[in-house]
Amino acid sequence: MSDVNQKAGIAWFTTAELLDYFQISRQMLWSNRNRLYRGIHFRRANPFNPWSSLLWRLELMEEVLGQRVAAFQRKVMDNVIHESSSWSDGLNR
């Protein structure tokens, strides 16, 4: 974290850290790209290198991804519950 960002209290996280925190895939992150703005939600680690890695503002990404991730996790859990109940129904017959 740079001194300027540190003094301002802004924390930037790598893509790997972001994906790990939200427990999402790169595809899910990419599917939200139309809701993300350079300089606000993400920036390049080296602004002079267009191929440098991206850094993300976790607190802003929580606003963008929070509801999406929660809805996705509910859907996954609903599928797991549905599959386990249909599996146990087969055992009870």
PDB file of N, CA and C in Angstrom:
ATOM      1  N   MET A   1       0.850  -1.165   0.000  1.00  0.00           N
ATOM      2  CA  MET A   1       0.000   0.000   0.000  1.00  0.00           C
ATOM      3  C   MET A   1       0.898   1.230   0.000  1.00  0.00           C
ATOM      4  N   SER A   2       0.619   2.201  -0.844  1.00  0.00           N
ATOM      5  CA  SER A   2       1.457   3.401  -0.913  1.00  0.00           C
ATOM      6  C   SER A   2       1.208   4.290   0.298  1.00  0.00           C
ATOM      7  N   ASP A   3       2.139   5.195   0.548  1.00  0.00           N
ATOM      8  CA  ASP A   3       2.017   6.107   1.692  1.00  0.00           C
ATOM      9  C   ASP A   3       0.772   6.976   1.583  1.00  0.00           C
ATOM     10  N   VAL A   4       0.473   7.451   0.372  1.00  0.00           N
ATOM     11  CA  VAL A   4      -0.701   8.304   0.177  1.00  0.00           C
ATOM     12  C   VAL A   4      -1.967   7.526   0.523  1.00  0.00           C
ATOM     13  N   ASN A   5      -2.084   6.301   0.001  1.00  0.00           N
ATOM     14  CA  ASN A   5      -3.260   5.489   0.297  1.00  0.00           C
ATOM     15  C   ASN A   5      -3.321   5.116   1.769  1.00  0.00           C
ATOM     16  N   GLN A   6      -2.166   4.872   2.363  1.00  0.00           N
ATOM     17  CA  GLN A   6      -2.116   4.495   3.776  1.00  0.00           C
ATOM     18  C   GLN A   6      -2.600   5.655   4.642  1.00  0.00           C
ATOM     19  N   LYS A   7      -2.164   6.861   4.327  1.00  0.00           N
ATOM     20  CA  LYS A   7      -2.592   8.032   5.099  1.00  0.00           C
ATOM     21  C   LYS A   7      -4.084   8.279   4.922  1.00  0.00           C
ATOM     22  N   ALA A   8      -4.605   8.015   3.741  1.00  0.00           N
ATOM     23  CA  ALA A   8      -6.027   8.215   3.486  1.00  0.00           C
ATOM     24  C   ALA A   8      -6.865   7.057   4.020  1.00  0.00           C
ATOM     25  N   GLY A   9      -6.218   5.980   4.451  1.00  0.00           N
ATOM     26  CA  GLY A   9      -6.949   4.825   4.971  1.00  0.00           C
ATOM     27  C   GLY A   9      -7.560   3.965   3.886  1.00  0.00           C
ATOM     28  N   ILE A  10      -7.031   4.049   2.675  1.00  0.00           N
ATOM     29  CA  ILE A  10      -7.554   3.264   1.559  1.00  0.00           C
ATOM     30  C   ILE A  10      -6.754   1.973   1.450  1.00  0.00           C
ATOM     31  N   ALA A  11      -7.441   0.851   1.478  1.00  0.00           N
ATOM     32  CA  ALA A  11      -6.783  -0.451   1.362  1.00  0.00           C
ATOM     33  C   ALA A  11      -7.098  -1.051  -0.008  1.00  0.00           C
ATOM     34  N   TRP A  12      -6.058  -1.415  -0.727  1.00  0.00           N
ATOM     35  CA  TRP A  12      -6.192  -2.049  -2.036  1.00  0.00           C
ATOM     36  C   TRP A  12      -5.756  -3.501  -1.905  1.00  0.00           C
ATOM     37  N   PHE A  13      -6.528  -4.421  -2.497  1.00  0.00           N
ATOM     38  CA  PHE A  13      -6.261  -5.850  -2.400  1.00  0.00           C
ATOM     39  C   PHE A  13      -6.041  -6.440  -3.782  1.00  0.00           C
ATOM     40  N   THR A  14      -5.234  -7.483  -3.849  1.00  0.00           N
ATOM     41  CA  THR A  14      -4.992  -8.150  -5.128  1.00  0.00           C
ATOM     42  C   THR A  14      -6.251  -8.906  -5.558  1.00  0.00           C
ATOM     43  N   THR A  15      -6.272  -9.305  -6.811  1.00  0.00           N
ATOM     44  CA  THR A  15      -7.408 -10.074  -7.319  1.00  0.00           C
ATOM     45  C   THR A  15      -7.539 -11.388  -6.564  1.00  0.00           C
ATOM     46  N   ALA A  16      -6.422 -12.061  -6.317  1.00  0.00           N
ATOM     47  CA  ALA A  16      -6.466 -13.332  -5.583  1.00  0.00           C
ATOM     48  C   ALA A  16      -7.059 -13.147  -4.195  1.00  0.00           C
ATOM     49  N   GLU A  17      -6.667 -12.073  -3.511  1.00  0.00           N
ATOM     50  CA  GLU A  17      -7.213 -11.798  -2.181  1.00  0.00           C
ATOM     51  C   GLU A  17      -8.703 -11.512  -2.245  1.00  0.00           C
ATOM     52  N   LEU A  18      -9.122 -10.771  -3.253  1.00  0.00           N
ATOM     53  CA  LEU A  18     -10.538 -10.446  -3.427  1.00  0.00           C
ATOM     54  C   LEU A  18     -11.361 -11.709  -3.679  1.00  0.00           C
ATOM     55  N   LEU A  19     -10.883 -12.552  -4.590  1.00  0.00           N
ATOM     56  CA  LEU A  19     -11.601 -13.788  -4.903  1.00  0.00           C
ATOM     57  C   LEU A  19     -11.682 -14.695  -3.686  1.00  0.00           C
ATOM     58  N   ASP A  20     -10.606 -14.744  -2.921  1.00  0.00           N
ATOM     59  CA  ASP A  20     -10.588 -15.569  -1.716  1.00  0.00           C
ATOM     60  C   ASP A  20     -11.556 -15.021  -0.667  1.00  0.00           C
ATOM     61  N   TYR A  21     -11.584 -13.719  -0.496  1.00  0.00           N
ATOM     62  CA  TYR A  21     -12.457 -13.087   0.498  1.00  0.00           C
ATOM     63  C   TYR A  21     -13.927 -13.368   0.193  1.00  0.00           C
ATOM     64  N   PHE A  22     -14.319 -13.186  -1.073  1.00  0.00           N
ATOM     65  CA  PHE A  22     -15.720 -13.381  -1.459  1.00  0.00           C
ATOM     66  C   PHE A  22     -16.050 -14.829  -1.815  1.00  0.00           C
ATOM     67  N   GLN A  23     -15.017 -15.662  -1.920  1.00  0.00           N
ATOM     68  CA  GLN A  23     -15.203 -17.062  -2.324  1.00  0.00           C
ATOM     69  C   GLN A  23     -15.957 -17.137  -3.653  1.00  0.00           C
ATOM     70  N   ILE A  24     -15.454 -16.368  -4.636  1.00  0.00           N
ATOM     71  CA  ILE A  24     -16.045 -16.350  -5.968  1.00  0.00           C
ATOM     72  C   ILE A  24     -14.971 -16.669  -6.999  1.00  0.00           C
ATOM     73  N   SER A  25     -15.419 -16.934  -8.211  1.00  0.00           N
ATOM     74  CA  SER A  25     -14.499 -17.217  -9.311  1.00  0.00           C
ATOM     75  C   SER A  25     -14.200 -15.931 -10.074  1.00  0.00           C
ATOM     76  N   ARG A  26     -13.169 -16.004 -10.915  1.00  0.00           N
ATOM     77  CA  ARG A  26     -12.864 -14.872 -11.789  1.00  0.00           C
ATOM     78  C   ARG A  26     -14.035 -14.589 -12.738  1.00  0.00           C
ATOM     79  N   GLN A  27     -14.740 -15.641 -13.146  1.00  0.00           N
ATOM     80  CA  GLN A  27     -15.872 -15.472 -14.047  1.00  0.00           C
ATOM     81  C   GLN A  27     -16.974 -14.646 -13.385  1.00  0.00           C
ATOM     82  N   MET A  28     -17.234 -14.904 -12.103  1.00  0.00           N
ATOM     83  CA  MET A  28     -18.263 -14.127 -11.414  1.00  0.00           C
ATOM     84  C   MET A  28     -17.829 -12.673 -11.277  1.00  0.00           C
ATOM     85  N   LEU A  29     -16.550 -12.454 -10.982  1.00  0.00           N
ATOM     86  CA  LEU A  29     -16.032 -11.092 -10.907  1.00  0.00           C
ATOM     87  C   LEU A  29     -16.168 -10.407 -12.264  1.00  0.00           C
ATOM     88  N   TRP A  30     -15.794 -11.104 -13.325  1.00  0.00           N
ATOM     89  CA  TRP A  30     -15.861 -10.559 -14.688  1.00  0.00           C
ATOM     90  C   TRP A  30     -17.302 -10.253 -15.093  1.00  0.00           C
ATOM     91  N   SER A  31     -18.245 -11.068 -14.627  1.00  0.00           N
ATOM     92  CA  SER A  31     -19.649 -10.851 -14.996  1.00  0.00           C
ATOM     93  C   SER A  31     -20.201  -9.559 -14.394  1.00  0.00           C
ATOM     94  N   ASN A  32     -19.523  -8.996 -13.414  1.00  0.00           N
ATOM     95  CA  ASN A  32     -19.946  -7.743 -12.780  1.00  0.00           C
ATOM     96  C   ASN A  32     -19.191  -6.533 -13.316  1.00  0.00           C
ATOM     97  N   ARG A  33     -18.420  -6.707 -14.389  1.00  0.00           N
ATOM     98  CA  ARG A  33     -17.539  -5.644 -14.880  1.00  0.00           C
ATOM     99  C   ARG A  33     -18.293  -4.381 -15.290  1.00  0.00           C
ATOM    100  N   ASN A  34     -19.539  -4.500 -15.708  1.00  0.00           N
ATOM    101  CA  ASN A  34     -20.281  -3.304 -16.123  1.00  0.00           C
ATOM    102  C   ASN A  34     -20.701  -2.448 -14.926  1.00  0.00           C
ATOM    103  N   ARG A  35     -20.502  -2.943 -13.716  1.00  0.00           N
ATOM    104  CA  ARG A  35     -20.837  -2.201 -12.505  1.00  0.00           C
ATOM    105  C   ARG A  35     -19.592  -1.641 -11.811  1.00  0.00           C
ATOM    106  N   LEU A  36     -18.419  -1.855 -12.413  1.00  0.00           N
ATOM    107  CA  LEU A  36     -17.150  -1.479 -11.789  1.00  0.00           C
ATOM    108  C   LEU A  36     -16.472  -0.356 -12.569  1.00  0.00           C
ATOM    109  N   TYR A  37     -15.869   0.579 -11.857  1.00  0.00           N
ATOM    110  CA  TYR A  37     -15.234   1.727 -12.489  1.00  0.00           C
ATOM    111  C   TYR A  37     -13.761   1.825 -12.096  1.00  0.00           C
ATOM    112  N   ARG A  38     -12.914   1.999 -13.123  1.00  0.00           N
ATOM    113  CA  ARG A  38     -11.479   2.161 -12.908  1.00  0.00           C
ATOM    114  C   ARG A  38     -11.246   3.413 -12.068  1.00  0.00           C
ATOM    115  N   GLY A  39     -10.356   3.292 -11.095  1.00  0.00           N
ATOM    116  CA  GLY A  39     -10.047   4.407 -10.212  1.00  0.00           C
ATOM    117  C   GLY A  39     -10.952   4.472  -8.994  1.00  0.00           C
ATOM    118  N   ILE A  40     -12.101   3.856  -9.080  1.00  0.00           N
ATOM    119  CA  ILE A  40     -13.018   3.808  -7.938  1.00  0.00           C
ATOM    120  C   ILE A  40     -12.981   2.422  -7.312  1.00  0.00           C
ATOM    121  N   HIS A  41     -13.327   1.406  -8.099  1.00  0.00           N
ATOM    122  CA  HIS A  41     -13.362   0.036  -7.596  1.00  0.00           C
ATOM    123  C   HIS A  41     -12.034  -0.694  -7.780  1.00  0.00           C
ATOM    124  N   PHE A  42     -11.309  -0.344  -8.822  1.00  0.00           N
ATOM    125  CA  PHE A  42     -10.032  -1.013  -9.092  1.00  0.00           C
ATOM    126  C   PHE A  42      -9.065  -0.055  -9.764  1.00  0.00           C
ATOM    127  N   ARG A  43      -7.805  -0.445  -9.745  1.00  0.00           N
ATOM    128  CA  ARG A  43      -6.750   0.308 -10.426  1.00  0.00           C
ATOM    129  C   ARG A  43      -5.624  -0.664 -10.743  1.00  0.00           C
ATOM    130  N   ARG A  44      -4.698  -0.233 -11.573  1.00  0.00           N
ATOM    131  CA  ARG A  44      -3.515  -1.030 -11.895  1.00  0.00           C
ATOM    132  C   ARG A  44      -2.474  -0.871 -10.789  1.00  0.00           C
ATOM    133  N   ALA A  45      -1.774  -1.943 -10.475  1.00  0.00           N
ATOM    134  CA  ALA A  45      -0.706  -1.878  -9.475  1.00  0.00           C
ATOM    135  C   ALA A  45       0.363  -0.893  -9.931  1.00  0.00           C
ATOM    136  N   ASN A  46       0.678  -0.914 -11.230  1.00  0.00           N
ATOM    137  CA  ASN A  46       1.607   0.038 -11.827  1.00  0.00           C
ATOM    138  C   ASN A  46       0.819   0.792 -12.901  1.00  0.00           C
ATOM    139  N   PRO A  47       0.418   2.017 -12.638  1.00  0.00           N
ATOM    140  CA  PRO A  47      -0.431   2.742 -13.593  1.00  0.00           C
ATOM    141  C   PRO A  47       0.227   3.011 -14.945  1.00  0.00           C
ATOM    142  N   PHE A  48       1.554   2.868 -15.016  1.00  0.00           N
ATOM    143  CA  PHE A  48       2.253   3.104 -16.276  1.00  0.00           C
ATOM    144  C   PHE A  48       2.385   1.838 -17.113  1.00  0.00           C
ATOM    145  N   ASN A  49       1.965   0.711 -16.562  1.00  0.00           N
ATOM    146  CA  ASN A  49       2.039  -0.569 -17.268  1.00  0.00           C
ATOM    147  C   ASN A  49       0.621  -1.103 -17.463  1.00  0.00           C
ATOM    148  N   PRO A  50       0.095  -1.070 -18.690  1.00  0.00           N
ATOM    149  CA  PRO A  50      -1.280  -1.524 -18.913  1.00  0.00           C
ATOM    150  C   PRO A  50      -1.479  -3.016 -18.662  1.00  0.00           C
ATOM    151  N   TRP A  51      -0.405  -3.762 -18.479  1.00  0.00           N
ATOM    152  CA  TRP A  51      -0.515  -5.210 -18.234  1.00  0.00           C
ATOM    153  C   TRP A  51      -0.279  -5.577 -16.768  1.00  0.00           C
ATOM    154  N   SER A  52      -0.085  -4.566 -15.917  1.00  0.00           N
ATOM    155  CA  SER A  52       0.152  -4.872 -14.497  1.00  0.00           C
ATOM    156  C   SER A  52      -1.136  -5.380 -13.852  1.00  0.00           C
ATOM    157  N   SER A  53      -0.970  -6.031 -12.733  1.00  0.00           N
ATOM    158  CA  SER A  53      -2.119  -6.646 -12.059  1.00  0.00           C
ATOM    159  C   SER A  53      -3.073  -5.584 -11.522  1.00  0.00           C
ATOM    160  N   LEU A  54      -4.302  -6.002 -11.281  1.00  0.00           N
ATOM    161  CA  LEU A  54      -5.318  -5.100 -10.750  1.00  0.00           C
ATOM    162  C   LEU A  54      -5.323  -5.148  -9.232  1.00  0.00           C
ATOM    163  N   LEU A  55      -5.625  -4.012  -8.639  1.00  0.00           N
ATOM    164  CA  LEU A  55      -5.832  -3.912  -7.198  1.00  0.00           C
ATOM    165  C   LEU A  55      -7.259  -3.432  -6.978  1.00  0.00           C
ATOM    166  N   TRP A  56      -7.884  -3.926  -5.915  1.00  0.00           N
ATOM    167  CA  TRP A  56      -9.312  -3.699  -5.674  1.00  0.00           C
ATOM    168  C   TRP A  56      -9.546  -3.056  -4.314  1.00  0.00           C
ATOM    169  N   ARG A  57     -10.555  -2.204  -4.227  1.00  0.00           N
ATOM    170  CA  ARG A  57     -10.981  -1.617  -2.952  1.00  0.00           C
ATOM    171  C   ARG A  57     -12.051  -2.515  -2.361  1.00  0.00           C
ATOM    172  N   LEU A  58     -11.676  -3.229  -1.334  1.00  0.00           N
ATOM    173  CA  LEU A  58     -12.544  -4.246  -0.746  1.00  0.00           C
ATOM    174  C   LEU A  58     -13.869  -3.671  -0.260  1.00  0.00           C
ATOM    175  N   GLU A  59     -13.828  -2.532   0.427  1.00  0.00           N
ATOM    176  CA  GLU A  59     -15.076  -1.992   0.978  1.00  0.00           C
ATOM    177  C   GLU A  59     -16.061  -1.592  -0.112  1.00  0.00           C
ATOM    178  N   LEU A  60     -15.565  -1.104  -1.242  1.00  0.00           N
ATOM    179  CA  LEU A  60     -16.463  -0.753  -2.346  1.00  0.00           C
ATOM    180  C   LEU A  60     -16.947  -2.004  -3.078  1.00  0.00           C
ATOM    181  N   MET A  61     -16.077  -3.000  -3.161  1.00  0.00           N
ATOM    182  CA  MET A  61     -16.467  -4.248  -3.817  1.00  0.00           C
ATOM    183  C   MET A  61     -17.520  -4.989  -2.998  1.00  0.00           C
ATOM    184  N   GLU A  62     -17.513  -4.809  -1.685  1.00  0.00           N
ATOM    185  CA  GLU A  62     -18.555  -5.411  -0.851  1.00  0.00           C
ATOM    186  C   GLU A  62     -19.913  -4.857  -1.237  1.00  0.00           C
ATOM    187  N   GLU A  63     -19.973  -3.561  -1.541  1.00  0.00           N
ATOM    188  CA  GLU A  63     -21.237  -2.957  -1.958  1.00  0.00           C
ATOM    189  C   GLU A  63     -21.702  -3.544  -3.288  1.00  0.00           C
ATOM    190  N   VAL A  64     -20.772  -3.714  -4.218  1.00  0.00           N
ATOM    191  CA  VAL A  64     -21.117  -4.216  -5.554  1.00  0.00           C
ATOM    192  C   VAL A  64     -21.425  -5.703  -5.527  1.00  0.00           C
ATOM    193  N   LEU A  65     -20.548  -6.465  -4.883  1.00  0.00           N
ATOM    194  CA  LEU A  65     -20.674  -7.925  -4.924  1.00  0.00           C
ATOM    195  C   LEU A  65     -21.459  -8.513  -3.765  1.00  0.00           C
ATOM    196  N   GLY A  66     -21.622  -7.780  -2.694  1.00  0.00           N
ATOM    197  CA  GLY A  66     -22.254  -8.314  -1.496  1.00  0.00           C
ATOM    198  C   GLY A  66     -23.585  -8.987  -1.750  1.00  0.00           C
ATOM    199  N   GLN A  67     -24.506  -8.292  -2.383  1.00  0.00           N
ATOM    200  CA  GLN A  67     -25.821  -8.861  -2.650  1.00  0.00           C
ATOM    201  C   GLN A  67     -25.731  -9.978  -3.680  1.00  0.00           C
ATOM    202  N   ARG A  68     -24.889  -9.808  -4.696  1.00  0.00           N
ATOM    203  CA  ARG A  68     -24.731 -10.843  -5.717  1.00  0.00           C
ATOM    204  C   ARG A  68     -24.208 -12.131  -5.108  1.00  0.00           C
ATOM    205  N   VAL A  69     -23.193 -12.016  -4.249  1.00  0.00           N
ATOM    206  CA  VAL A  69     -22.587 -13.198  -3.637  1.00  0.00           C
ATOM    207  C   VAL A  69     -23.582 -13.864  -2.699  1.00  0.00           C
ATOM    208  N   ALA A  70     -24.279 -13.074  -1.902  1.00  0.00           N
ATOM    209  CA  ALA A  70     -25.260 -13.641  -0.978  1.00  0.00           C
ATOM    210  C   ALA A  70     -26.356 -14.374  -1.743  1.00  0.00           C
ATOM    211  N   ALA A  71     -26.835 -13.793  -2.835  1.00  0.00           N
ATOM    212  CA  ALA A  71     -27.868 -14.453  -3.643  1.00  0.00           C
ATOM    213  C   ALA A  71     -27.333 -15.727  -4.269  1.00  0.00           C
ATOM    214  N   PHE A  72     -26.102 -15.684  -4.755  1.00  0.00           N
ATOM    215  CA  PHE A  72     -25.482 -16.870  -5.350  1.00  0.00           C
ATOM    216  C   PHE A  72     -25.328 -17.972  -4.307  1.00  0.00           C
ATOM    217  N   GLN A  73     -24.867 -17.611  -3.105  1.00  0.00           N
ATOM    218  CA  GLN A  73     -24.687 -18.605  -2.045  1.00  0.00           C
ATOM    219  C   GLN A  73     -26.024 -19.212  -1.630  1.00  0.00           C
ATOM    220  N   ARG A  74     -27.083 -18.395  -1.573  1.00  0.00           N
ATOM    221  CA  ARG A  74     -28.417 -18.938  -1.261  1.00  0.00           C
ATOM    222  C   ARG A  74     -28.860 -19.928  -2.319  1.00  0.00           C
ATOM    223  N   LYS A  75     -28.608 -19.600  -3.591  1.00  0.00           N
ATOM    224  CA  LYS A  75     -28.993 -20.483  -4.685  1.00  0.00           C
ATOM    225  C   LYS A  75     -28.243 -21.817  -4.582  1.00  0.00           C
ATOM    226  N   VAL A  76     -26.949 -21.747  -4.292  1.00  0.00           N
ATOM    227  CA  VAL A  76     -26.152 -22.967  -4.142  1.00  0.00           C
ATOM    228  C   VAL A  76     -26.680 -23.796  -2.985  1.00  0.00           C
ATOM    229  N   MET A  77     -26.952 -23.158  -1.857  1.00  0.00           N
ATOM    230  CA  MET A  77     -27.456 -23.886  -0.688  1.00  0.00           C
ATOM    231  C   MET A  77     -28.833 -24.487  -0.965  1.00  0.00           C
ATOM    232  N   ASP A  78     -29.685 -23.774  -1.678  1.00  0.00           N
ATOM    233  CA  ASP A  78     -30.996 -24.319  -2.048  1.00  0.00           C
ATOM    234  C   ASP A  78     -30.824 -25.570  -2.899  1.00  0.00           C
ATOM    235  N   ASN A  79     -29.879 -25.531  -3.839  1.00  0.00           N
ATOM    236  CA  ASN A  79     -29.615 -26.698  -4.682  1.00  0.00           C
ATOM    237  C   ASN A  79     -29.084 -27.859  -3.857  1.00  0.00           C
ATOM    238  N   VAL A  80     -28.200 -27.581  -2.912  1.00  0.00           N
ATOM    239  CA  VAL A  80     -27.642 -28.635  -2.063  1.00  0.00           C
ATOM    240  C   VAL A  80     -28.738 -29.254  -1.215  1.00  0.00           C
ATOM    241  N   ILE A  81     -29.585 -28.413  -0.633  1.00  0.00           N
ATOM    242  CA  ILE A  81     -30.682 -28.917   0.205  1.00  0.00           C
ATOM    243  C   ILE A  81     -31.647 -29.735  -0.633  1.00  0.00           C
ATOM    244  N   HIS A  82     -31.973 -29.253  -1.827  1.00  0.00           N
ATOM    245  CA  HIS A  82     -32.891 -29.972  -2.709  1.00  0.00           C
ATOM    246  C   HIS A  82     -32.307 -31.327  -3.116  1.00  0.00           C
ATOM    247  N   GLU A  83     -31.027 -31.324  -3.485  1.00  0.00           N
ATOM    248  CA  GLU A  83     -30.382 -32.574  -3.895  1.00  0.00           C
ATOM    249  C   GLU A  83     -30.269 -33.555  -2.739  1.00  0.00           C
ATOM    250  N   SER A  84     -29.959 -33.064  -1.549  1.00  0.00           N
ATOM    251  CA  SER A  84     -29.812 -33.976  -0.401  1.00  0.00           C
ATOM    252  C   SER A  84     -31.174 -34.526   0.025  1.00  0.00           C
ATOM    253  N   SER A  85     -32.223 -33.714  -0.095  1.00  0.00           N
ATOM    254  CA  SER A  85     -33.545 -34.236   0.292  1.00  0.00           C
ATOM    255  C   SER A  85     -34.040 -35.259  -0.722  1.00  0.00           C
ATOM    256  N   SER A  86     -33.758 -35.054  -1.999  1.00  0.00           N
ATOM    257  CA  SER A  86     -34.177 -36.042  -2.994  1.00  0.00           C
ATOM    258  C   SER A  86     -33.334 -37.299  -2.867  1.00  0.00           C
ATOM    259  N   TRP A  87     -32.072 -37.181  -2.459  1.00  0.00           N
ATOM    260  CA  TRP A  87     -31.221 -38.337  -2.235  1.00  0.00           C
ATOM    261  C   TRP A  87     -31.713 -39.129  -1.042  1.00  0.00           C
ATOM    262  N   SER A  88     -32.076 -38.450   0.053  1.00  0.00           N
ATOM    263  CA  SER A  88     -32.550 -39.159   1.252  1.00  0.00           C
ATOM    264  C   SER A  88     -33.934 -39.748   1.006  1.00  0.00           C
ATOM    265  N   ASP A  89     -34.749 -39.132   0.143  1.00  0.00           N
ATOM    266  CA  ASP A  89     -36.060 -39.693  -0.197  1.00  0.00           C
ATOM    267  C   ASP A  89     -35.892 -41.047  -0.878  1.00  0.00           C
ATOM    268  N   GLY A  90     -34.862 -41.150  -1.695  1.00  0.00           N
ATOM    269  CA  GLY A  90     -34.592 -42.414  -2.386  1.00  0.00           C
ATOM    270  C   GLY A  90     -34.178 -43.499  -1.411  1.00  0.00           C
ATOM    271  N   LEU A  91     -33.520 -43.140  -0.328  1.00  0.00           N
ATOM    272  CA  LEU A  91     -33.105 -44.111   0.679  1.00  0.00           C
ATOM    273  C   LEU A  91     -34.287 -44.615   1.512  1.00  0.00           C
ATOM    274  N   ASN A  92     -35.267 -43.747   1.708  1.00  0.00           N
ATOM    275  CA  ASN A  92     -36.398 -44.091   2.553  1.00  0.00           C
ATOM    276  C   ASN A  92     -37.409 -44.980   1.848  1.00  0.00           C
ATOM    277  N   ARG A  93     -37.251 -45.192   0.574  1.00  0.00           N
ATOM    278  CA  ARG A  93     -38.224 -46.023  -0.158  1.00  0.00           C
ATOM    279  C   ARG A  93     -37.924 -47.456  -0.029  1.00  0.00           C
TER     280      ARG A  93
END
